[in-house]
N, C-alpha and C. Protein backbone atom coordinates (compact mmCIF):
# COMPACT_ATOMS: atom_id res chain seq x y z
N MET A 1 65.72 -23.40 -125.63
CA MET A 1 64.56 -24.18 -126.00
C MET A 1 63.66 -24.37 -124.78
N ILE A 2 62.39 -24.14 -124.95
CA ILE A 2 61.43 -24.31 -123.87
C ILE A 2 60.94 -25.74 -123.89
N SER A 3 61.03 -26.40 -122.75
CA SER A 3 60.56 -27.78 -122.69
C SER A 3 59.17 -27.81 -122.09
N SER A 4 58.46 -28.87 -122.40
CA SER A 4 57.13 -29.07 -121.86
C SER A 4 57.25 -29.35 -120.37
N PRO A 5 56.30 -28.83 -119.56
CA PRO A 5 56.36 -29.14 -118.13
C PRO A 5 56.18 -30.64 -117.87
N LEU A 6 55.61 -31.34 -118.82
CA LEU A 6 55.39 -32.76 -118.65
C LEU A 6 56.44 -33.60 -119.37
N SER A 7 57.45 -32.95 -119.95
CA SER A 7 58.43 -33.68 -120.74
C SER A 7 59.49 -34.35 -119.88
N ASN A 8 59.43 -34.16 -118.59
CA ASN A 8 60.40 -34.78 -117.70
C ASN A 8 59.90 -36.13 -117.22
N SER A 9 59.40 -36.93 -118.15
CA SER A 9 58.86 -38.24 -117.83
C SER A 9 59.93 -39.12 -117.20
N GLN A 10 59.53 -39.94 -116.24
CA GLN A 10 60.43 -40.89 -115.61
C GLN A 10 60.70 -42.06 -116.56
N HIS A 11 60.02 -42.11 -117.67
CA HIS A 11 60.10 -43.23 -118.59
C HIS A 11 60.96 -42.84 -119.78
N HIS A 12 60.67 -43.43 -120.91
CA HIS A 12 61.38 -43.13 -122.16
C HIS A 12 61.15 -41.66 -122.53
N PRO A 13 62.14 -40.97 -123.09
CA PRO A 13 62.00 -39.54 -123.39
C PRO A 13 60.81 -39.19 -124.28
N SER A 14 60.38 -40.08 -125.17
CA SER A 14 59.26 -39.72 -126.05
C SER A 14 57.90 -40.01 -125.43
N LEU A 15 57.86 -40.59 -124.24
CA LEU A 15 56.59 -40.91 -123.61
C LEU A 15 55.88 -39.69 -123.04
N TRP A 16 56.55 -38.57 -122.94
CA TRP A 16 55.92 -37.37 -122.41
C TRP A 16 54.67 -36.99 -123.19
N ILE A 17 54.65 -37.28 -124.49
CA ILE A 17 53.51 -36.86 -125.31
C ILE A 17 52.23 -37.58 -124.89
N TYR A 18 52.33 -38.85 -124.49
CA TYR A 18 51.16 -39.59 -124.05
C TYR A 18 50.59 -38.99 -122.76
N GLU A 19 51.49 -38.61 -121.86
CA GLU A 19 51.07 -37.99 -120.61
C GLU A 19 50.45 -36.62 -120.87
N GLU A 20 51.10 -35.85 -121.73
CA GLU A 20 50.59 -34.51 -122.01
C GLU A 20 49.22 -34.58 -122.69
N ASN A 21 49.02 -35.53 -123.60
CA ASN A 21 47.72 -35.67 -124.26
C ASN A 21 46.63 -35.98 -123.24
N TYR A 22 46.94 -36.79 -122.24
CA TYR A 22 45.95 -37.09 -121.19
C TYR A 22 45.56 -35.81 -120.45
N HIS A 23 46.56 -35.02 -120.09
CA HIS A 23 46.29 -33.79 -119.35
C HIS A 23 45.56 -32.75 -120.21
N LEU A 24 45.83 -32.74 -121.50
CA LEU A 24 45.08 -31.86 -122.40
C LEU A 24 43.62 -32.30 -122.48
N PHE A 25 43.37 -33.62 -122.48
CA PHE A 25 42.00 -34.12 -122.44
C PHE A 25 41.31 -33.63 -121.17
N GLN A 26 42.03 -33.59 -120.06
CA GLN A 26 41.45 -33.09 -118.82
C GLN A 26 41.02 -31.63 -118.97
N GLU A 27 41.83 -30.85 -119.68
CA GLU A 27 41.48 -29.44 -119.89
C GLU A 27 40.19 -29.29 -120.71
N LEU A 28 39.90 -30.26 -121.57
CA LEU A 28 38.65 -30.22 -122.35
C LEU A 28 37.44 -30.64 -121.51
N GLN A 29 37.67 -31.03 -120.27
CA GLN A 29 36.60 -31.41 -119.34
C GLN A 29 35.76 -32.57 -119.88
N LEU A 30 36.45 -33.63 -120.31
CA LEU A 30 35.78 -34.75 -120.96
C LEU A 30 35.53 -35.95 -120.05
N TRP A 31 36.41 -36.21 -119.13
CA TRP A 31 36.37 -37.50 -118.43
C TRP A 31 35.07 -37.74 -117.69
N SER A 32 34.54 -36.74 -117.01
CA SER A 32 33.29 -36.96 -116.27
C SER A 32 32.13 -37.29 -117.20
N ARG A 33 32.13 -36.73 -118.39
CA ARG A 33 31.07 -37.04 -119.37
C ARG A 33 31.27 -38.42 -119.99
N ILE A 34 32.51 -38.72 -120.34
CA ILE A 34 32.81 -40.02 -120.95
C ILE A 34 32.46 -41.16 -120.00
N ASP A 35 32.71 -40.94 -118.71
CA ASP A 35 32.40 -41.98 -117.71
C ASP A 35 30.92 -42.31 -117.65
N ARG A 36 30.06 -41.41 -118.11
CA ARG A 36 28.62 -41.62 -118.06
C ARG A 36 28.04 -42.12 -119.38
N LEU A 37 28.88 -42.21 -120.43
CA LEU A 37 28.39 -42.64 -121.74
C LEU A 37 28.08 -44.14 -121.77
N ALA A 38 27.04 -44.47 -122.52
CA ALA A 38 26.75 -45.88 -122.80
C ALA A 38 27.72 -46.37 -123.87
N PRO A 39 28.02 -47.68 -123.90
CA PRO A 39 28.91 -48.20 -124.95
C PRO A 39 28.39 -47.85 -126.34
N GLU A 40 29.30 -47.45 -127.21
CA GLU A 40 29.04 -47.06 -128.60
C GLU A 40 28.35 -45.69 -128.72
N ALA A 41 28.04 -45.05 -127.60
CA ALA A 41 27.42 -43.72 -127.65
C ALA A 41 28.49 -42.67 -127.96
N SER A 42 28.05 -41.51 -128.41
CA SER A 42 28.96 -40.44 -128.80
C SER A 42 28.73 -39.19 -127.97
N LEU A 43 29.78 -38.41 -127.89
CA LEU A 43 29.77 -37.12 -127.22
C LEU A 43 30.28 -36.11 -128.23
N ASP A 44 29.52 -35.04 -128.45
CA ASP A 44 29.95 -34.00 -129.38
C ASP A 44 30.60 -32.85 -128.64
N LEU A 45 31.67 -32.34 -129.23
CA LEU A 45 32.32 -31.14 -128.73
C LEU A 45 32.03 -30.04 -129.72
N VAL A 46 31.55 -28.92 -129.21
CA VAL A 46 31.18 -27.82 -130.09
C VAL A 46 31.90 -26.55 -129.67
N SER A 47 32.00 -25.65 -130.63
CA SER A 47 32.63 -24.35 -130.42
C SER A 47 31.65 -23.27 -130.85
N ALA A 48 31.76 -22.11 -130.25
CA ALA A 48 30.90 -21.00 -130.63
C ALA A 48 31.24 -20.48 -132.03
N SER A 49 32.45 -20.79 -132.49
CA SER A 49 32.82 -20.35 -133.84
C SER A 49 32.17 -21.27 -134.87
N ALA A 50 32.44 -21.04 -136.13
CA ALA A 50 31.87 -21.85 -137.21
C ALA A 50 32.66 -23.13 -137.44
N ALA A 51 33.47 -23.50 -136.48
CA ALA A 51 34.32 -24.69 -136.64
C ALA A 51 33.47 -25.95 -136.65
N PRO A 52 33.99 -27.04 -137.20
CA PRO A 52 33.23 -28.30 -137.25
C PRO A 52 33.07 -28.92 -135.87
N ILE A 53 32.11 -29.81 -135.74
CA ILE A 53 31.86 -30.53 -134.50
C ILE A 53 32.84 -31.69 -134.39
N ILE A 54 33.46 -31.83 -133.24
CA ILE A 54 34.33 -32.96 -132.95
C ILE A 54 33.48 -34.01 -132.25
N THR A 55 33.59 -35.25 -132.69
CA THR A 55 32.81 -36.33 -132.09
C THR A 55 33.74 -37.31 -131.41
N LEU A 56 33.40 -37.67 -130.18
CA LEU A 56 34.10 -38.72 -129.45
C LEU A 56 33.12 -39.86 -129.24
N GLN A 57 33.49 -41.05 -129.67
CA GLN A 57 32.63 -42.21 -129.51
C GLN A 57 33.30 -43.18 -128.54
N LEU A 58 32.53 -43.63 -127.56
CA LEU A 58 33.03 -44.61 -126.61
C LEU A 58 32.98 -45.99 -127.24
N LEU A 59 34.13 -46.62 -127.42
CA LEU A 59 34.19 -47.95 -128.00
C LEU A 59 34.20 -49.03 -126.91
N GLU A 60 35.01 -48.81 -125.87
CA GLU A 60 35.09 -49.75 -124.74
C GLU A 60 35.42 -48.95 -123.48
N ARG A 61 34.97 -49.49 -122.35
CA ARG A 61 35.35 -48.89 -121.07
C ARG A 61 35.61 -50.01 -120.08
N HIS A 62 36.75 -49.92 -119.41
CA HIS A 62 37.11 -50.86 -118.37
C HIS A 62 37.51 -50.05 -117.15
N LYS A 63 37.85 -50.74 -116.09
CA LYS A 63 38.15 -50.04 -114.84
C LYS A 63 39.29 -49.03 -115.00
N TYR A 64 40.36 -49.42 -115.69
CA TYR A 64 41.52 -48.55 -115.80
C TYR A 64 41.81 -48.07 -117.22
N MET A 65 40.98 -48.46 -118.19
CA MET A 65 41.25 -48.13 -119.59
C MET A 65 39.96 -47.81 -120.32
N THR A 66 40.03 -46.82 -121.21
CA THR A 66 38.92 -46.45 -122.06
C THR A 66 39.41 -46.41 -123.49
N LEU A 67 38.61 -46.93 -124.41
CA LEU A 67 38.93 -46.90 -125.84
C LEU A 67 37.94 -45.95 -126.51
N LEU A 68 38.46 -44.92 -127.18
CA LEU A 68 37.63 -43.89 -127.81
C LEU A 68 37.96 -43.75 -129.29
N CYS A 69 37.01 -43.20 -130.03
CA CYS A 69 37.24 -42.80 -131.42
C CYS A 69 37.02 -41.29 -131.48
N TRP A 70 38.02 -40.56 -131.95
CA TRP A 70 37.98 -39.09 -132.09
C TRP A 70 37.83 -38.78 -133.56
N ARG A 71 36.79 -38.03 -133.93
CA ARG A 71 36.57 -37.64 -135.33
C ARG A 71 36.46 -36.12 -135.44
N LEU A 72 37.28 -35.57 -136.31
CA LEU A 72 37.27 -34.14 -136.58
C LEU A 72 37.08 -33.95 -138.07
N PRO A 73 35.88 -33.53 -138.50
CA PRO A 73 35.67 -33.29 -139.94
C PRO A 73 36.54 -32.13 -140.42
N LEU A 74 37.04 -32.26 -141.62
CA LEU A 74 37.88 -31.21 -142.19
C LEU A 74 37.05 -30.34 -143.12
N LEU A 75 37.27 -29.05 -143.03
CA LEU A 75 36.60 -28.13 -143.94
C LEU A 75 37.36 -28.18 -145.26
N GLN A 76 36.64 -28.41 -146.35
CA GLN A 76 37.27 -28.55 -147.66
C GLN A 76 37.35 -27.20 -148.37
N ALA A 77 38.51 -26.91 -148.91
CA ALA A 77 38.67 -25.72 -149.72
C ALA A 77 37.95 -25.92 -151.05
N GLN A 78 37.42 -24.84 -151.59
CA GLN A 78 36.72 -24.94 -152.86
C GLN A 78 37.68 -25.32 -153.99
N ASN A 79 37.17 -26.06 -154.96
CA ASN A 79 37.89 -26.47 -156.16
C ASN A 79 39.08 -27.40 -155.88
N LEU A 80 39.10 -28.04 -154.73
CA LEU A 80 40.13 -29.02 -154.43
C LEU A 80 39.47 -30.38 -154.25
N PRO A 81 40.15 -31.45 -154.67
CA PRO A 81 39.56 -32.78 -154.49
C PRO A 81 39.41 -33.09 -152.99
N GLU A 82 38.36 -33.81 -152.66
CA GLU A 82 38.12 -34.18 -151.27
C GLU A 82 38.90 -35.45 -150.96
N VAL A 83 40.15 -35.28 -150.60
CA VAL A 83 41.02 -36.40 -150.35
C VAL A 83 40.70 -37.03 -148.99
N VAL A 84 40.60 -36.20 -147.99
CA VAL A 84 40.33 -36.66 -146.64
C VAL A 84 39.12 -35.91 -146.12
N GLN A 85 38.10 -36.63 -145.70
CA GLN A 85 36.88 -36.02 -145.18
C GLN A 85 37.00 -35.63 -143.71
N GLN A 86 37.74 -36.44 -142.96
CA GLN A 86 37.88 -36.17 -141.53
C GLN A 86 39.17 -36.80 -141.01
N VAL A 87 39.62 -36.29 -139.88
CA VAL A 87 40.73 -36.89 -139.17
C VAL A 87 40.11 -37.81 -138.13
N GLU A 88 40.56 -39.06 -138.11
CA GLU A 88 39.99 -40.04 -137.18
C GLU A 88 41.10 -40.79 -136.47
N PHE A 89 41.02 -40.78 -135.15
CA PHE A 89 41.97 -41.50 -134.30
C PHE A 89 41.20 -42.51 -133.45
N GLN A 90 41.79 -43.65 -133.21
CA GLN A 90 41.33 -44.52 -132.14
C GLN A 90 42.31 -44.34 -131.00
N LEU A 91 41.79 -44.08 -129.82
CA LEU A 91 42.62 -43.73 -128.67
C LEU A 91 42.45 -44.74 -127.55
N ARG A 92 43.55 -45.11 -126.94
CA ARG A 92 43.51 -45.93 -125.74
C ARG A 92 43.94 -45.02 -124.59
N CYS A 93 43.07 -44.87 -123.61
CA CYS A 93 43.30 -44.00 -122.47
C CYS A 93 43.50 -44.86 -121.23
N TYR A 94 44.67 -44.77 -120.63
CA TYR A 94 44.96 -45.49 -119.39
C TYR A 94 44.83 -44.50 -118.24
N HIS A 95 43.79 -44.69 -117.42
CA HIS A 95 43.51 -43.72 -116.36
C HIS A 95 44.46 -43.86 -115.18
N ASP A 96 44.91 -45.07 -114.89
CA ASP A 96 45.83 -45.24 -113.76
C ASP A 96 47.20 -44.64 -114.08
N ALA A 97 47.66 -44.74 -115.32
CA ALA A 97 48.95 -44.17 -115.72
C ALA A 97 48.81 -42.75 -116.26
N GLU A 98 47.57 -42.30 -116.48
CA GLU A 98 47.27 -40.97 -117.03
C GLU A 98 47.99 -40.73 -118.36
N VAL A 99 47.73 -41.63 -119.32
CA VAL A 99 48.27 -41.47 -120.66
C VAL A 99 47.17 -41.73 -121.70
N VAL A 100 47.27 -41.05 -122.84
CA VAL A 100 46.41 -41.28 -124.00
C VAL A 100 47.32 -41.60 -125.16
N GLU A 101 47.03 -42.72 -125.82
CA GLU A 101 47.87 -43.20 -126.92
C GLU A 101 47.01 -43.45 -128.16
N VAL A 102 47.48 -43.00 -129.31
CA VAL A 102 46.81 -43.30 -130.58
C VAL A 102 47.14 -44.74 -130.95
N ILE A 103 46.09 -45.56 -131.13
CA ILE A 103 46.34 -46.95 -131.53
C ILE A 103 45.93 -47.19 -132.98
N ALA A 104 45.18 -46.24 -133.58
CA ALA A 104 44.84 -46.33 -135.00
C ALA A 104 44.62 -44.91 -135.52
N TYR A 105 45.01 -44.70 -136.77
CA TYR A 105 44.84 -43.39 -137.41
C TYR A 105 44.30 -43.62 -138.81
N GLN A 106 43.18 -42.97 -139.13
CA GLN A 106 42.52 -43.11 -140.43
C GLN A 106 42.27 -44.60 -140.75
N GLY A 107 41.95 -45.38 -139.73
CA GLY A 107 41.64 -46.78 -139.93
C GLY A 107 42.85 -47.70 -139.98
N GLU A 108 44.03 -47.14 -139.98
CA GLU A 108 45.27 -47.94 -140.03
C GLU A 108 45.72 -48.24 -138.61
N ARG A 109 45.70 -49.52 -138.26
CA ARG A 109 46.06 -49.93 -136.90
C ARG A 109 47.56 -50.21 -136.76
N ARG A 110 48.23 -50.44 -137.86
CA ARG A 110 49.65 -50.77 -137.80
C ARG A 110 50.47 -49.48 -137.91
N ILE A 111 50.76 -48.89 -136.77
CA ILE A 111 51.57 -47.67 -136.71
C ILE A 111 52.85 -48.03 -135.98
N PRO A 112 53.91 -48.27 -136.72
CA PRO A 112 55.13 -48.77 -136.07
C PRO A 112 55.87 -47.68 -135.29
N PRO A 113 56.43 -48.08 -134.13
CA PRO A 113 57.32 -47.17 -133.40
C PRO A 113 58.65 -47.05 -134.13
N ARG A 114 59.49 -46.17 -133.65
CA ARG A 114 60.76 -45.87 -134.31
C ARG A 114 61.59 -47.12 -134.60
N TYR A 115 61.69 -48.00 -133.64
CA TYR A 115 62.57 -49.16 -133.80
C TYR A 115 62.01 -50.21 -134.76
N LEU A 116 60.74 -50.11 -135.15
CA LEU A 116 60.17 -51.05 -136.12
C LEU A 116 59.84 -50.41 -137.47
N SER A 117 60.07 -49.10 -137.62
CA SER A 117 59.75 -48.40 -138.86
C SER A 117 60.63 -48.88 -139.99
N ASN A 118 60.03 -49.07 -141.17
CA ASN A 118 60.77 -49.49 -142.35
C ASN A 118 60.39 -48.57 -143.51
N PRO A 119 61.23 -47.58 -143.82
CA PRO A 119 60.93 -46.65 -144.92
C PRO A 119 60.76 -47.36 -146.27
N LEU A 120 61.35 -48.54 -146.43
CA LEU A 120 61.21 -49.27 -147.69
C LEU A 120 59.78 -49.76 -147.90
N ARG A 121 59.02 -49.89 -146.82
CA ARG A 121 57.60 -50.26 -146.92
C ARG A 121 56.70 -49.04 -146.94
N GLY A 122 57.29 -47.85 -147.06
CA GLY A 122 56.51 -46.61 -147.10
C GLY A 122 56.09 -46.10 -145.74
N GLU A 123 56.72 -46.59 -144.69
CA GLU A 123 56.38 -46.17 -143.33
C GLU A 123 57.21 -44.96 -142.93
N GLN A 124 56.57 -44.04 -142.22
CA GLN A 124 57.27 -42.88 -141.68
C GLN A 124 58.19 -43.33 -140.56
N LEU A 125 59.34 -42.72 -140.46
CA LEU A 125 60.22 -42.99 -139.34
C LEU A 125 59.54 -42.46 -138.09
N ASP A 126 59.35 -43.31 -137.12
CA ASP A 126 58.69 -42.98 -135.86
C ASP A 126 57.26 -42.49 -136.08
N GLY A 127 56.51 -43.26 -136.86
CA GLY A 127 55.12 -42.91 -137.14
C GLY A 127 54.27 -42.84 -135.90
N LYS A 128 54.57 -43.66 -134.89
CA LYS A 128 53.80 -43.67 -133.64
C LYS A 128 53.88 -42.30 -132.95
N LEU A 129 55.06 -41.75 -132.86
CA LEU A 129 55.23 -40.44 -132.25
C LEU A 129 54.52 -39.37 -133.08
N ARG A 130 54.63 -39.47 -134.40
CA ARG A 130 54.04 -38.46 -135.28
C ARG A 130 52.51 -38.41 -135.18
N VAL A 131 51.84 -39.55 -135.12
CA VAL A 131 50.37 -39.53 -135.03
C VAL A 131 49.94 -39.03 -133.65
N ASN A 132 50.74 -39.29 -132.63
CA ASN A 132 50.41 -38.76 -131.31
C ASN A 132 50.64 -37.25 -131.25
N GLN A 133 51.62 -36.76 -132.00
CA GLN A 133 51.81 -35.31 -132.11
C GLN A 133 50.65 -34.67 -132.87
N LEU A 134 50.15 -35.36 -133.90
CA LEU A 134 49.00 -34.85 -134.64
C LEU A 134 47.76 -34.80 -133.74
N LEU A 135 47.56 -35.83 -132.93
CA LEU A 135 46.45 -35.79 -131.96
C LEU A 135 46.61 -34.58 -131.04
N GLN A 136 47.83 -34.34 -130.59
CA GLN A 136 48.06 -33.21 -129.71
C GLN A 136 47.70 -31.89 -130.40
N LEU A 137 48.03 -31.77 -131.68
CA LEU A 137 47.64 -30.56 -132.42
C LEU A 137 46.12 -30.43 -132.50
N CYS A 138 45.42 -31.53 -132.70
CA CYS A 138 43.95 -31.51 -132.76
C CYS A 138 43.36 -31.11 -131.41
N ILE A 139 43.94 -31.60 -130.32
CA ILE A 139 43.45 -31.22 -128.99
C ILE A 139 43.72 -29.74 -128.74
N HIS A 140 44.90 -29.26 -129.13
CA HIS A 140 45.20 -27.82 -128.99
C HIS A 140 44.23 -26.99 -129.83
N PHE A 141 43.89 -27.47 -131.03
CA PHE A 141 42.89 -26.80 -131.86
C PHE A 141 41.58 -26.66 -131.09
N ALA A 142 41.14 -27.75 -130.46
CA ALA A 142 39.89 -27.73 -129.70
C ALA A 142 39.98 -26.77 -128.52
N LEU A 143 41.10 -26.76 -127.84
CA LEU A 143 41.27 -25.85 -126.70
C LEU A 143 41.33 -24.40 -127.16
N ASP A 144 42.06 -24.13 -128.23
CA ASP A 144 42.20 -22.77 -128.74
C ASP A 144 40.88 -22.19 -129.23
N HIS A 145 39.98 -23.07 -129.72
CA HIS A 145 38.69 -22.62 -130.23
C HIS A 145 37.56 -22.84 -129.22
N HIS A 146 37.94 -23.07 -127.98
CA HIS A 146 36.99 -23.15 -126.86
C HIS A 146 35.91 -24.21 -127.06
N TYR A 147 36.32 -25.37 -127.53
CA TYR A 147 35.38 -26.48 -127.66
C TYR A 147 34.96 -26.95 -126.27
N ARG A 148 33.69 -27.27 -126.13
CA ARG A 148 33.15 -27.81 -124.89
C ARG A 148 32.18 -28.93 -125.22
N PRO A 149 32.04 -29.90 -124.30
CA PRO A 149 31.10 -31.00 -124.56
C PRO A 149 29.66 -30.52 -124.54
N GLU A 150 28.88 -31.06 -125.47
CA GLU A 150 27.44 -30.82 -125.48
C GLU A 150 26.81 -31.57 -124.31
N PRO A 151 25.66 -31.13 -123.83
CA PRO A 151 24.96 -31.91 -122.80
C PRO A 151 24.62 -33.29 -123.34
N LEU A 152 24.71 -34.29 -122.50
CA LEU A 152 24.43 -35.66 -122.91
C LEU A 152 22.93 -35.88 -123.05
N THR A 153 22.54 -36.61 -124.08
CA THR A 153 21.14 -36.96 -124.27
C THR A 153 20.83 -38.22 -123.46
N GLU A 154 19.56 -38.48 -123.24
CA GLU A 154 19.14 -39.68 -122.51
C GLU A 154 19.65 -40.94 -123.21
N ALA A 155 19.61 -40.95 -124.53
CA ALA A 155 20.05 -42.13 -125.30
C ALA A 155 21.53 -42.40 -125.12
N ALA A 156 22.33 -41.37 -124.87
CA ALA A 156 23.78 -41.51 -124.73
C ALA A 156 24.20 -41.96 -123.33
N LEU A 157 23.31 -41.80 -122.35
CA LEU A 157 23.68 -42.13 -120.98
C LEU A 157 23.62 -43.63 -120.73
N GLU A 158 24.57 -44.09 -119.94
CA GLU A 158 24.58 -45.51 -119.60
C GLU A 158 23.51 -45.79 -118.55
N ARG A 159 22.81 -46.87 -118.72
CA ARG A 159 21.79 -47.28 -117.74
C ARG A 159 22.47 -47.89 -116.54
N GLU A 160 22.07 -47.47 -115.38
CA GLU A 160 22.72 -47.99 -114.16
C GLU A 160 21.95 -49.14 -113.60
């Protein structure tokens, strides 16, 4: 079995995914652009292919933490009901620890970790890990399709 180069976390064994997601964000070349965004402004990621535009919205920014909303519209197959229009994550990014964590998925903020999961309430076992794995798949999708940030508009830039 091939392990992730970042899976040797000094912390809990499942925490490697938060660290890896942060480093994948670095590969998308986002941090320098996000640091210049005004609050509530958005940054679009585009690909040369016909893929949908990924939108990142800055919700909050602090010295060591950034709160973002990641939206990826889904292409709908013909003759199928439109169950989900887009994948949406709220992300908390800790820059000092270099981790990205999903804190909400599809508007649901209560994503229990493994030790609090209750299948009798319809919760997935270890839902927290699963939504972070889904974020990782979305980031890999963006990297595989060569998504890059669009140039920032004047309206999106923070006033100094």
